[in-house]
Amino acid sequence: MQFTQHIVFYASDEEAVKSLVEEWENDGSTDAPGFLGGRLLRFRDKPGRYVLQADFDSWESAEANNDRRETEEWSQRLSKLIDGEPKYENLDVLADFGG
């Protein structure tokens, strides 16, 4: 079963967060086994609030990705950019539609 993780957080420097996400993509980290893609989303009605979405082919692949050195280092860098504590949402994909 496919799996999606959301990291919901506040940040005051949007450009720094976007740069960090682009760096993740450009340095080959998106080649992690089972990683299907991701998105950085911004709330329209809550300035400074974001969702980082990461899609995997399974929960097990996501957990293996969390244990990678690259992921741990990147997460530490993200934590320096966010305000407060992030909220993690772990979601099983029940159906895909519309594309």
N, C-alpha and C. Protein backbone atom coordinates (compact mmCIF):
# COMPACT_ATOMS: atom_id res chain seq x y z
N MET A 1 0.84 -1.18 0.00
CA MET A 1 0.00 0.00 0.00
C MET A 1 0.89 1.24 0.00
N GLN A 2 0.59 2.19 -0.90
CA GLN A 2 1.35 3.43 -0.93
C GLN A 2 1.13 4.22 0.36
N PHE A 3 2.11 5.06 0.68
CA PHE A 3 2.12 5.79 1.94
C PHE A 3 2.55 7.23 1.68
N THR A 4 1.94 8.16 2.38
CA THR A 4 2.30 9.58 2.30
C THR A 4 2.55 10.11 3.70
N GLN A 5 3.60 10.89 3.83
CA GLN A 5 3.84 11.58 5.10
C GLN A 5 3.74 13.08 4.87
N HIS A 6 3.03 13.74 5.76
CA HIS A 6 2.97 15.20 5.78
C HIS A 6 3.75 15.69 6.98
N ILE A 7 4.54 16.72 6.77
CA ILE A 7 5.17 17.44 7.87
C ILE A 7 4.58 18.84 7.80
N VAL A 8 3.82 19.21 8.81
CA VAL A 8 3.14 20.50 8.85
C VAL A 8 3.94 21.40 9.80
N PHE A 9 4.26 22.60 9.34
CA PHE A 9 5.11 23.47 10.15
C PHE A 9 4.92 24.93 9.79
N TYR A 10 5.41 25.79 10.65
CA TYR A 10 5.49 27.23 10.39
C TYR A 10 6.95 27.59 10.12
N ALA A 11 7.15 28.55 9.22
CA ALA A 11 8.49 29.05 8.93
C ALA A 11 8.38 30.51 8.48
N SER A 12 9.34 31.30 8.87
CA SER A 12 9.30 32.71 8.49
C SER A 12 10.12 33.01 7.23
N ASP A 13 10.97 32.07 6.81
CA ASP A 13 11.80 32.29 5.63
C ASP A 13 11.44 31.27 4.55
N GLU A 14 10.44 31.61 3.76
CA GLU A 14 9.95 30.70 2.72
C GLU A 14 11.04 30.36 1.70
N GLU A 15 11.82 31.34 1.32
CA GLU A 15 12.86 31.09 0.32
C GLU A 15 13.89 30.09 0.82
N ALA A 16 14.24 30.14 2.09
CA ALA A 16 15.20 29.19 2.64
C ALA A 16 14.62 27.77 2.63
N VAL A 17 13.34 27.64 2.94
CA VAL A 17 12.69 26.32 2.92
C VAL A 17 12.66 25.80 1.49
N LYS A 18 12.26 26.64 0.53
CA LYS A 18 12.23 26.22 -0.87
C LYS A 18 13.62 25.81 -1.35
N SER A 19 14.62 26.55 -0.97
CA SER A 19 16.00 26.22 -1.38
C SER A 19 16.42 24.87 -0.82
N LEU A 20 16.05 24.60 0.42
CA LEU A 20 16.41 23.32 1.03
C LEU A 20 15.72 22.17 0.31
N VAL A 21 14.46 22.35 -0.07
CA VAL A 21 13.73 21.32 -0.81
C VAL A 21 14.37 21.10 -2.18
N GLU A 22 14.73 22.20 -2.85
CA GLU A 22 15.39 22.07 -4.17
C GLU A 22 16.74 21.37 -4.04
N GLU A 23 17.44 21.66 -2.97
CA GLU A 23 18.73 21.01 -2.74
C GLU A 23 18.54 19.50 -2.57
N TRP A 24 17.50 19.10 -1.85
CA TRP A 24 17.19 17.68 -1.65
C TRP A 24 17.00 17.00 -3.00
N GLU A 25 16.29 17.67 -3.89
CA GLU A 25 16.04 17.10 -5.21
C GLU A 25 17.31 17.06 -6.05
N ASN A 26 18.10 18.10 -6.01
CA ASN A 26 19.26 18.21 -6.88
C ASN A 26 20.46 17.37 -6.44
N ASP A 27 20.53 17.00 -5.16
CA ASP A 27 21.70 16.25 -4.71
C ASP A 27 21.52 14.74 -4.82
N GLY A 28 20.42 14.31 -5.43
CA GLY A 28 20.21 12.87 -5.62
C GLY A 28 19.49 12.18 -4.49
N SER A 29 19.09 12.91 -3.47
CA SER A 29 18.41 12.29 -2.33
C SER A 29 17.05 11.74 -2.70
N THR A 30 16.47 12.25 -3.79
CA THR A 30 15.17 11.75 -4.22
C THR A 30 15.28 10.36 -4.86
N ASP A 31 16.50 9.85 -4.97
CA ASP A 31 16.71 8.50 -5.49
C ASP A 31 16.52 7.43 -4.42
N ALA A 32 16.06 7.83 -3.25
CA ALA A 32 15.86 6.87 -2.15
C ALA A 32 14.91 5.77 -2.60
N PRO A 33 15.22 4.52 -2.26
CA PRO A 33 14.34 3.41 -2.65
C PRO A 33 12.90 3.64 -2.17
N GLY A 34 11.97 3.49 -3.10
CA GLY A 34 10.56 3.61 -2.76
C GLY A 34 10.01 5.02 -2.77
N PHE A 35 10.86 6.03 -2.93
CA PHE A 35 10.38 7.42 -2.94
C PHE A 35 9.71 7.70 -4.27
N LEU A 36 8.47 8.18 -4.23
CA LEU A 36 7.70 8.43 -5.45
C LEU A 36 7.65 9.91 -5.83
N GLY A 37 7.88 10.79 -4.88
CA GLY A 37 7.82 12.22 -5.16
C GLY A 37 7.34 12.98 -3.94
N GLY A 38 7.33 14.28 -4.09
CA GLY A 38 6.89 15.09 -2.96
C GLY A 38 6.48 16.48 -3.40
N ARG A 39 6.00 17.24 -2.44
CA ARG A 39 5.56 18.61 -2.69
C ARG A 39 5.80 19.45 -1.46
N LEU A 40 6.09 20.71 -1.69
CA LEU A 40 6.08 21.72 -0.64
C LEU A 40 4.85 22.56 -0.88
N LEU A 41 3.97 22.60 0.08
CA LEU A 41 2.69 23.30 -0.04
C LEU A 41 2.61 24.43 0.98
N ARG A 42 1.94 25.52 0.60
CA ARG A 42 1.75 26.65 1.50
C ARG A 42 0.25 26.87 1.70
N PHE A 43 -0.14 27.06 2.95
CA PHE A 43 -1.53 27.38 3.25
C PHE A 43 -1.85 28.78 2.73
N ARG A 44 -2.95 28.93 2.02
CA ARG A 44 -3.37 30.24 1.54
C ARG A 44 -3.89 31.12 2.68
N ASP A 45 -4.57 30.49 3.62
CA ASP A 45 -5.24 31.25 4.66
C ASP A 45 -4.46 31.32 5.98
N LYS A 46 -3.25 30.80 6.00
CA LYS A 46 -2.42 30.82 7.21
C LYS A 46 -1.00 31.18 6.83
N PRO A 47 -0.70 32.46 6.75
CA PRO A 47 0.64 32.89 6.33
C PRO A 47 1.74 32.24 7.17
N GLY A 48 2.76 31.77 6.47
CA GLY A 48 3.90 31.16 7.15
C GLY A 48 3.71 29.70 7.53
N ARG A 49 2.59 29.10 7.15
CA ARG A 49 2.34 27.69 7.46
C ARG A 49 2.49 26.86 6.20
N TYR A 50 3.18 25.72 6.32
CA TYR A 50 3.54 24.88 5.17
C TYR A 50 3.28 23.41 5.46
N VAL A 51 3.19 22.65 4.38
CA VAL A 51 3.13 21.19 4.43
C VAL A 51 4.18 20.66 3.48
N LEU A 52 5.02 19.79 3.99
CA LEU A 52 5.96 19.06 3.15
C LEU A 52 5.40 17.66 3.01
N GLN A 53 5.08 17.27 1.78
CA GLN A 53 4.47 15.98 1.49
C GLN A 53 5.49 15.09 0.81
N ALA A 54 5.63 13.88 1.31
CA ALA A 54 6.53 12.90 0.70
C ALA A 54 5.76 11.61 0.46
N ASP A 55 5.80 11.12 -0.77
CA ASP A 55 5.07 9.92 -1.15
C ASP A 55 6.04 8.75 -1.35
N PHE A 56 5.64 7.59 -0.84
CA PHE A 56 6.46 6.38 -0.93
C PHE A 56 5.60 5.22 -1.40
N ASP A 57 6.29 4.19 -1.90
CA ASP A 57 5.55 3.01 -2.35
C ASP A 57 5.01 2.19 -1.19
N SER A 58 5.52 2.43 0.03
CA SER A 58 5.04 1.70 1.21
C SER A 58 5.52 2.40 2.48
N TRP A 59 4.89 2.06 3.58
CA TRP A 59 5.30 2.53 4.90
C TRP A 59 6.73 2.08 5.19
N GLU A 60 7.04 0.85 4.81
CA GLU A 60 8.36 0.29 5.07
C GLU A 60 9.46 1.09 4.34
N SER A 61 9.19 1.50 3.11
CA SER A 61 10.16 2.32 2.38
C SER A 61 10.35 3.67 3.05
N ALA A 62 9.26 4.26 3.53
CA ALA A 62 9.36 5.54 4.22
C ALA A 62 10.19 5.40 5.49
N GLU A 63 9.97 4.34 6.23
CA GLU A 63 10.75 4.11 7.45
C GLU A 63 12.23 3.90 7.13
N ALA A 64 12.51 3.15 6.07
CA ALA A 64 13.90 2.96 5.66
C ALA A 64 14.53 4.29 5.26
N ASN A 65 13.77 5.14 4.58
CA ASN A 65 14.27 6.46 4.20
C ASN A 65 14.59 7.30 5.44
N ASN A 66 13.75 7.21 6.46
CA ASN A 66 13.99 7.97 7.69
C ASN A 66 15.31 7.59 8.35
N ASP A 67 15.75 6.36 8.14
CA ASP A 67 16.99 5.88 8.76
C ASP A 67 18.24 6.22 7.95
N ARG A 68 18.07 6.78 6.77
CA ARG A 68 19.22 7.14 5.93
C ARG A 68 19.95 8.35 6.52
N ARG A 69 21.27 8.33 6.46
CA ARG A 69 22.08 9.44 6.98
C ARG A 69 21.69 10.75 6.31
N GLU A 70 21.50 10.71 4.98
CA GLU A 70 21.15 11.92 4.24
C GLU A 70 19.84 12.52 4.73
N THR A 71 18.88 11.66 5.01
CA THR A 71 17.59 12.13 5.49
C THR A 71 17.72 12.76 6.87
N GLU A 72 18.47 12.13 7.75
CA GLU A 72 18.67 12.67 9.09
C GLU A 72 19.34 14.03 9.04
N GLU A 73 20.36 14.17 8.21
CA GLU A 73 21.06 15.45 8.09
C GLU A 73 20.15 16.53 7.53
N TRP A 74 19.37 16.17 6.51
CA TRP A 74 18.46 17.13 5.89
C TRP A 74 17.39 17.55 6.90
N SER A 75 16.87 16.61 7.65
CA SER A 75 15.84 16.92 8.65
C SER A 75 16.37 17.87 9.72
N GLN A 76 17.61 17.69 10.12
CA GLN A 76 18.21 18.60 11.09
C GLN A 76 18.31 20.01 10.52
N ARG A 77 18.64 20.12 9.26
CA ARG A 77 18.71 21.44 8.62
C ARG A 77 17.32 22.07 8.52
N LEU A 78 16.31 21.26 8.19
CA LEU A 78 14.95 21.77 8.14
C LEU A 78 14.51 22.27 9.51
N SER A 79 14.84 21.53 10.55
CA SER A 79 14.40 21.91 11.90
C SER A 79 14.94 23.28 12.30
N LYS A 80 16.06 23.69 11.73
CA LYS A 80 16.61 25.02 12.03
C LYS A 80 15.84 26.13 11.33
N LEU A 81 15.07 25.79 10.30
CA LEU A 81 14.33 26.78 9.54
C LEU A 81 12.88 26.95 10.01
N ILE A 82 12.39 25.98 10.77
CA ILE A 82 10.98 26.05 11.15
C ILE A 82 10.82 26.68 12.53
N ASP A 83 9.63 27.23 12.72
CA ASP A 83 9.28 27.87 13.99
C ASP A 83 8.44 26.88 14.80
N GLY A 84 8.91 26.52 15.97
CA GLY A 84 8.16 25.58 16.81
C GLY A 84 8.38 24.15 16.40
N GLU A 85 7.47 23.30 16.83
CA GLU A 85 7.56 21.87 16.55
C GLU A 85 6.72 21.51 15.33
N PRO A 86 7.24 20.66 14.45
CA PRO A 86 6.44 20.22 13.31
C PRO A 86 5.42 19.18 13.76
N LYS A 87 4.37 19.04 12.97
CA LYS A 87 3.37 18.00 13.19
C LYS A 87 3.53 16.98 12.06
N TYR A 88 3.65 15.71 12.41
CA TYR A 88 3.80 14.64 11.41
C TYR A 88 2.46 13.94 11.24
N GLU A 89 2.07 13.76 9.99
CA GLU A 89 0.85 13.03 9.67
C GLU A 89 1.22 11.88 8.76
N ASN A 90 0.86 10.66 9.15
CA ASN A 90 1.20 9.45 8.42
C ASN A 90 -0.06 8.87 7.80
N LEU A 91 -0.08 8.78 6.47
CA LEU A 91 -1.30 8.47 5.75
C LEU A 91 -1.11 7.30 4.78
N ASP A 92 -2.00 6.34 4.84
CA ASP A 92 -2.06 5.28 3.83
C ASP A 92 -2.89 5.78 2.66
N VAL A 93 -2.44 5.53 1.44
CA VAL A 93 -3.17 5.95 0.24
C VAL A 93 -4.21 4.88 -0.09
N LEU A 94 -5.47 5.27 -0.04
CA LEU A 94 -6.54 4.33 -0.33
C LEU A 94 -6.93 4.33 -1.80
N ALA A 95 -6.83 5.50 -2.46
CA ALA A 95 -7.20 5.59 -3.87
C ALA A 95 -6.52 6.81 -4.49
N ASP A 96 -6.14 6.70 -5.74
CA ASP A 96 -5.65 7.82 -6.54
C ASP A 96 -6.72 8.12 -7.58
N PHE A 97 -6.91 9.40 -7.88
CA PHE A 97 -7.90 9.76 -8.89
C PHE A 97 -7.53 11.10 -9.52
N GLY A 98 -8.10 11.36 -10.67
CA GLY A 98 -7.98 12.65 -11.32
C GLY A 98 -6.64 12.93 -11.97
N GLY A 99 -5.89 11.97 -12.34
CA GLY A 99 -4.64 12.28 -13.03
C GLY A 99 -3.76 11.16 -13.06
